[in-house]
Protein backbone atom coordinates (compact mmCIF):
# COMPACT_ATOMS: atom_id res chain seq x y z
CA MET A 1 -78.62 82.43 -54.13
CA ALA A 2 -78.29 79.02 -52.45
CA ARG A 3 -76.00 78.88 -49.46
CA THR A 4 -73.33 76.22 -49.01
CA TYR A 5 -73.33 74.38 -45.68
CA VAL A 6 -70.79 72.01 -44.17
CA ILE A 7 -72.27 69.64 -41.58
CA THR A 8 -70.21 67.25 -39.50
CA GLY A 9 -72.01 64.22 -38.12
CA ALA A 10 -74.32 64.44 -41.13
CA GLY A 11 -74.82 60.69 -41.33
CA SER A 12 -77.28 60.44 -38.45
CA GLY A 13 -79.13 62.25 -35.69
CA ILE A 14 -79.09 66.05 -35.53
CA GLY A 15 -76.64 66.38 -38.41
CA ALA A 16 -78.75 64.22 -40.70
CA ALA A 17 -81.90 66.17 -39.79
CA ALA A 18 -80.17 69.49 -40.50
CA ALA A 19 -78.84 68.22 -43.83
CA ARG A 20 -82.29 67.03 -44.89
CA LEU A 21 -84.02 70.28 -43.93
CA LEU A 22 -81.40 72.37 -45.70
CA ARG A 23 -81.52 70.32 -48.89
CA GLU A 24 -85.31 70.56 -48.89
CA ALA A 25 -84.89 74.35 -48.70
CA GLY A 26 -82.54 74.36 -51.69
CA ALA A 27 -79.18 74.74 -49.92
CA THR A 28 -76.01 72.96 -50.99
CA VAL A 29 -74.91 70.61 -48.22
CA VAL A 30 -71.52 68.93 -47.85
CA GLY A 31 -71.80 66.32 -45.13
CA VAL A 32 -68.86 64.88 -43.20
CA ASP A 33 -69.07 61.65 -41.21
CA LEU A 34 -67.48 58.26 -40.67
CA ARG A 35 -70.09 56.74 -42.97
CA GLY A 36 -73.27 57.57 -44.85
CA SER A 37 -72.30 61.07 -45.95
CA ASP A 38 -70.64 63.03 -48.75
CA ILE A 39 -67.16 63.07 -47.23
CA THR A 40 -65.89 60.11 -45.23
CA ALA A 41 -63.46 61.24 -42.53
CA ASP A 42 -62.44 60.34 -39.00
CA LEU A 43 -62.52 63.52 -36.92
CA SER A 44 -60.95 61.75 -33.94
CA THR A 45 -57.46 62.02 -35.46
CA PRO A 46 -55.37 64.98 -36.68
CA ALA A 47 -54.90 63.25 -40.04
CA GLY A 48 -58.63 62.65 -40.36
CA ARG A 49 -59.39 66.30 -39.63
CA GLU A 50 -56.85 67.44 -42.22
CA GLN A 51 -58.41 65.06 -44.74
CA ALA A 52 -61.88 66.39 -43.96
CA VAL A 53 -60.80 70.02 -44.39
CA ALA A 54 -59.05 69.30 -47.68
CA ALA A 55 -62.09 67.45 -49.02
CA VAL A 56 -64.45 70.23 -47.89
CA LEU A 57 -62.36 72.91 -49.58
CA GLU A 58 -62.25 70.89 -52.78
CA ALA A 59 -66.02 70.26 -52.72
CA THR A 60 -66.91 73.89 -52.00
CA GLY A 61 -64.33 75.68 -54.11
CA GLY A 62 -62.86 77.28 -51.01
CA THR A 63 -65.92 79.28 -49.89
CA VAL A 64 -68.28 78.07 -47.17
CA ASP A 65 -71.35 80.00 -46.02
CA ALA A 66 -72.01 78.06 -42.82
CA VAL A 67 -70.72 75.21 -40.69
CA ILE A 68 -72.84 73.09 -38.36
CA ALA A 69 -70.46 71.06 -36.18
CA SER A 70 -72.71 68.25 -35.01
CA ALA A 71 -70.39 65.22 -34.83
CA GLY A 72 -70.00 63.80 -31.35
CA VAL A 73 -69.85 60.69 -29.19
CA SER A 74 -70.75 60.04 -25.56
CA LEU A 75 -68.40 57.21 -24.63
CA PRO A 76 -66.57 57.28 -21.26
CA THR A 77 -63.26 57.04 -23.12
CA ALA A 78 -60.54 59.30 -24.47
CA LEU A 79 -62.11 59.03 -27.94
CA THR A 80 -64.79 61.44 -26.75
CA VAL A 81 -62.12 64.08 -26.15
CA SER A 82 -60.78 63.77 -29.67
CA VAL A 83 -64.15 63.88 -31.42
CA ASN A 84 -66.17 66.27 -29.26
CA TYR A 85 -63.51 68.90 -28.74
CA TYR A 86 -60.65 68.66 -31.22
CA GLY A 87 -62.91 67.38 -33.99
CA VAL A 88 -64.87 70.62 -33.55
CA VAL A 89 -62.34 73.33 -32.79
CA GLU A 90 -59.64 72.22 -35.22
CA LEU A 91 -62.14 71.84 -38.05
CA LEU A 92 -63.73 75.24 -37.41
CA THR A 93 -60.35 76.93 -37.09
CA ALA A 94 -59.18 75.40 -40.35
CA LEU A 95 -62.39 76.38 -42.15
CA GLN A 96 -62.47 79.94 -40.81
CA PRO A 97 -60.75 81.39 -43.91
CA ALA A 98 -63.31 79.66 -46.16
CA LEU A 99 -66.11 81.09 -44.01
CA ALA A 100 -64.57 84.57 -44.15
CA ARG A 101 -64.92 84.51 -47.96
CA SER A 102 -68.71 84.28 -47.66
CA ASP A 103 -70.94 87.34 -47.75
CA ALA A 104 -72.84 86.03 -44.71
CA PRO A 105 -70.74 83.44 -42.87
CA ARG A 106 -72.09 81.60 -39.83
CA ALA A 107 -71.00 78.73 -37.54
CA VAL A 108 -72.72 76.74 -34.83
CA VAL A 109 -71.53 73.90 -32.59
CA VAL A 110 -73.71 71.23 -30.99
CA SER A 111 -72.76 71.30 -27.31
CA SER A 112 -75.04 69.77 -24.63
CA MET A 113 -76.93 70.55 -21.47
CA SER A 114 -74.26 68.29 -19.96
CA SER A 115 -72.04 71.38 -20.06
CA LEU A 116 -73.93 72.32 -16.86
CA GLN A 117 -73.32 68.98 -15.17
CA PRO A 118 -70.39 67.79 -13.00
CA ASN A 119 -67.15 67.69 -14.97
CA HIS A 120 -63.41 67.34 -14.42
CA PRO A 121 -61.81 70.83 -14.30
CA PRO A 122 -58.26 69.58 -15.06
CA LEU A 123 -59.57 67.97 -18.26
CA VAL A 124 -61.50 71.11 -19.21
CA GLU A 125 -58.39 73.23 -18.72
CA ALA A 126 -56.23 70.75 -20.66
CA LEU A 127 -58.69 70.96 -23.55
CA LEU A 128 -58.74 74.73 -23.53
CA GLY A 129 -54.96 74.67 -23.39
CA ALA A 130 -54.95 73.17 -26.90
CA ASP A 131 -52.62 70.30 -25.96
CA GLU A 132 -54.38 67.21 -27.31
CA ALA A 133 -51.77 64.78 -25.97
CA ALA A 134 -52.11 66.20 -22.46
CA ALA A 135 -55.91 66.14 -22.64
CA LEU A 136 -55.92 62.54 -23.84
CA GLU A 137 -53.64 61.56 -20.97
CA VAL A 138 -56.05 63.08 -18.44
CA ALA A 139 -59.01 61.41 -20.16
CA GLU A 140 -57.31 58.01 -20.16
CA GLN A 141 -56.74 58.32 -16.42
CA LEU A 142 -60.42 59.15 -15.92
CA ALA A 143 -61.52 56.31 -18.20
CA ALA A 144 -59.72 53.76 -16.01
CA ASP A 145 -62.51 54.15 -13.43
CA PRO A 146 -66.18 53.93 -14.52
CA GLN A 147 -67.13 56.58 -11.96
CA THR A 148 -64.69 59.18 -13.27
CA GLY A 149 -65.03 58.05 -16.88
CA ASN A 150 -68.54 59.46 -16.88
CA LEU A 151 -67.07 62.95 -16.37
CA ILE A 152 -65.37 62.95 -19.78
CA TYR A 153 -68.43 63.76 -21.91
CA ALA A 154 -69.58 66.68 -19.75
CA SER A 155 -66.01 68.01 -19.66
CA THR A 156 -65.77 68.06 -23.46
CA LYS A 157 -69.08 69.90 -23.74
CA ARG A 158 -68.15 72.43 -21.07
CA ALA A 159 -64.85 73.04 -22.86
CA VAL A 160 -66.36 73.43 -26.33
CA SER A 161 -68.98 75.89 -25.04
CA ARG A 162 -66.20 77.89 -23.39
CA TRP A 163 -64.15 77.79 -26.59
CA VAL A 164 -67.12 79.15 -28.55
CA ARG A 165 -67.66 81.93 -26.02
CA ALA A 166 -64.00 82.93 -25.96
CA ARG A 167 -63.46 82.84 -29.74
CA SER A 168 -66.76 84.45 -30.74
CA ILE A 169 -65.61 88.02 -30.04
CA THR A 170 -62.13 87.77 -31.55
CA ALA A 171 -60.90 89.41 -34.73
CA GLU A 172 -61.00 86.05 -36.52
CA TRP A 173 -64.70 85.54 -35.83
CA ALA A 174 -66.63 88.66 -34.80
CA GLY A 175 -64.10 90.84 -36.60
CA ALA A 176 -64.66 88.84 -39.78
CA GLY A 177 -68.42 89.11 -39.42
CA ILE A 178 -68.89 85.43 -38.46
CA PRO A 179 -71.45 84.76 -35.71
CA LEU A 180 -70.15 81.77 -33.73
CA ASN A 181 -72.55 80.07 -31.30
CA ALA A 182 -73.47 76.74 -29.73
CA VAL A 183 -76.69 74.88 -28.99
CA ALA A 184 -77.20 72.64 -25.98
CA PRO A 185 -79.80 69.88 -26.36
CA GLY A 186 -81.33 67.80 -23.63
CA ILE A 187 -82.10 64.16 -24.43
CA VAL A 188 -82.49 63.87 -28.20
CA THR A 189 -83.92 60.67 -29.64
CA THR A 190 -81.00 59.65 -31.87
CA PRO A 191 -78.89 56.49 -32.25
CA MET A 192 -76.50 57.92 -29.63
CA THR A 193 -79.20 57.88 -26.93
CA GLU A 194 -80.95 54.68 -28.01
CA GLN A 195 -79.13 52.53 -25.46
CA LEU A 196 -79.74 55.07 -22.67
CA LEU A 197 -83.48 54.80 -23.26
CA ALA A 198 -83.59 51.04 -23.84
CA SER A 199 -85.32 50.13 -20.57
CA PRO A 200 -87.71 51.76 -18.09
CA GLU A 201 -84.95 51.69 -15.44
CA SER A 202 -82.33 53.42 -17.58
CA THR A 203 -84.90 55.91 -18.87
CA ALA A 204 -85.89 56.80 -15.30
CA PHE A 205 -82.24 57.43 -14.44
CA VAL A 206 -81.76 59.63 -17.51
CA ASP A 207 -84.88 61.60 -16.66
CA ALA A 208 -83.63 62.21 -13.14
CA VAL A 209 -80.30 63.51 -14.44
CA VAL A 210 -81.77 65.46 -17.36
CA PRO A 211 -85.21 66.70 -16.29
CA MET A 212 -87.24 67.97 -19.27
CA PRO A 213 -90.57 69.43 -18.10
CA LEU A 214 -91.37 70.92 -21.54
CA ASN A 215 -92.45 68.25 -24.06
CA TYR A 216 -90.06 65.59 -22.67
CA HIS A 217 -87.42 63.99 -24.96
CA GLN A 218 -86.87 65.91 -28.16
CA PRO A 219 -86.61 64.93 -31.83
CA PRO A 220 -83.41 65.86 -33.70
CA GLU A 221 -85.37 68.41 -35.74
CA SER A 222 -85.86 70.55 -32.61
CA ILE A 223 -82.12 71.17 -32.55
CA ALA A 224 -81.61 71.13 -36.32
CA ASN A 225 -84.10 73.98 -36.80
CA LEU A 226 -82.32 76.06 -34.16
CA CYS A 227 -79.00 75.42 -35.90
CA LEU A 228 -80.56 76.52 -39.17
CA TRP A 229 -81.62 79.87 -37.72
CA LEU A 230 -78.25 80.47 -36.05
CA THR A 231 -76.52 79.84 -39.40
CA SER A 232 -79.02 81.84 -41.45
CA VAL A 233 -78.46 85.34 -42.84
CA GLU A 234 -81.07 86.57 -40.34
CA ASN A 235 -78.72 85.94 -37.42
CA THR A 236 -76.63 89.09 -37.46
CA HIS A 237 -75.87 89.67 -33.76
CA CYS A 238 -76.15 86.45 -31.74
CA ALA A 239 -72.55 85.66 -30.75
CA GLY A 240 -70.81 83.44 -28.23
CA GLN A 241 -74.00 81.96 -26.83
CA THR A 242 -74.76 78.42 -25.78
CA ILE A 243 -78.51 78.26 -26.28
CA TYR A 244 -80.10 75.62 -24.08
CA CYS A 245 -82.85 74.00 -26.14
CA ASP A 246 -83.39 71.27 -23.56
CA GLY A 247 -87.01 71.10 -22.49
CA GLY A 248 -86.26 73.25 -19.44
CA SER A 249 -83.33 71.29 -17.97
CA ASP A 250 -81.21 74.42 -17.65
CA VAL A 251 -83.88 76.15 -15.55
CA VAL A 252 -84.47 73.10 -13.35
CA LEU A 253 -80.74 72.76 -12.67
CA ARG A 254 -79.72 76.42 -12.34
CA GLY A 255 -82.95 77.98 -11.07
CA GLU A 256 -84.58 81.21 -12.14
CA ASP A 257 -81.62 83.46 -11.30
CA ALA A 258 -78.80 82.72 -13.72
CA TRP A 259 -77.30 86.22 -13.47
CA SER A 260 -76.44 87.22 -9.90
CA TRP A 261 -73.22 85.20 -9.82
CA ALA A 262 -71.76 87.65 -12.35
CA ASP A 263 -72.80 90.88 -10.59
CA ALA A 264 -69.45 91.41 -8.87
CA ALA A 265 -67.45 90.93 -12.09
CA VAL A 266 -69.75 93.19 -14.12
CA GLY A 267 -69.68 95.83 -11.38
CA GLU A 268 -65.88 95.75 -11.38
CA TYR A 269 -65.81 96.12 -15.17
CA PHE A 270 -68.06 99.19 -15.12
CA GLY A 271 -66.13 100.60 -12.18
CA GLN A 272 -62.94 100.44 -14.22
CA LEU A 273 -64.69 102.12 -17.14
CA MET A 274 -65.91 104.96 -14.94
CA ALA A 275 -62.51 105.38 -13.33
CA GLY A 276 -60.90 105.61 -16.76
CA ALA A 277 -63.47 108.15 -17.92
CA GLU A 278 -62.76 110.38 -14.92
CA LYS A 279 -59.03 110.60 -15.71
């Protein structure tokens, strides 16, 4: 039986690639974007998100098998906060009941390897605090200076990856049998990165910030195919992960040991378990 997918950002880039691959495989796809898709909606506003959810529920009959949240922007402005974070988490939260009606529900968010880069902790915390007005105020302050404005994008991606990790094991997601994950691309050749790669000088800067030793810049299909597996019926146990499909940027930036930092916390957790077992 064909699965029904909802894809935000389906008009271009990763979302468009995912929509094409799914339709070629016989899936039903309901795309959401500002233009060039099945549902026209502005995910940067609460009203636009509500409109998108209502249109999705009408188009799908109230049952959705999978959501690929791919819509995003990389501007050093407060708009990036509204689209990259609230346009993701509010849409997924609103569609969770429709996902729960599926026999094999799945959801994946397109984050970024920028989630590993310098960010603005107060903005990240404001985002996770679910106060959009407060987060926008912080972002507008950052946007006033080009230096700090560049922290907005990475902050939204750090926050959305943390949201995925925190929500993935809750009753609403894991308890309802819905694997919730994120993918983190490196530099994908899409309209969003076209300007970044427009000259040898800008390309050299991008490559210094986002080193990709494996196969260099990636096509949107490299991420779309990963999203398809994460939202397939075969993915039964991958939960809360941000999977870095980034040509090796994660390893270059974090090194080979990405675990030791957590040893103390894990040791404390098991210590508490053992202490409880001894009582």
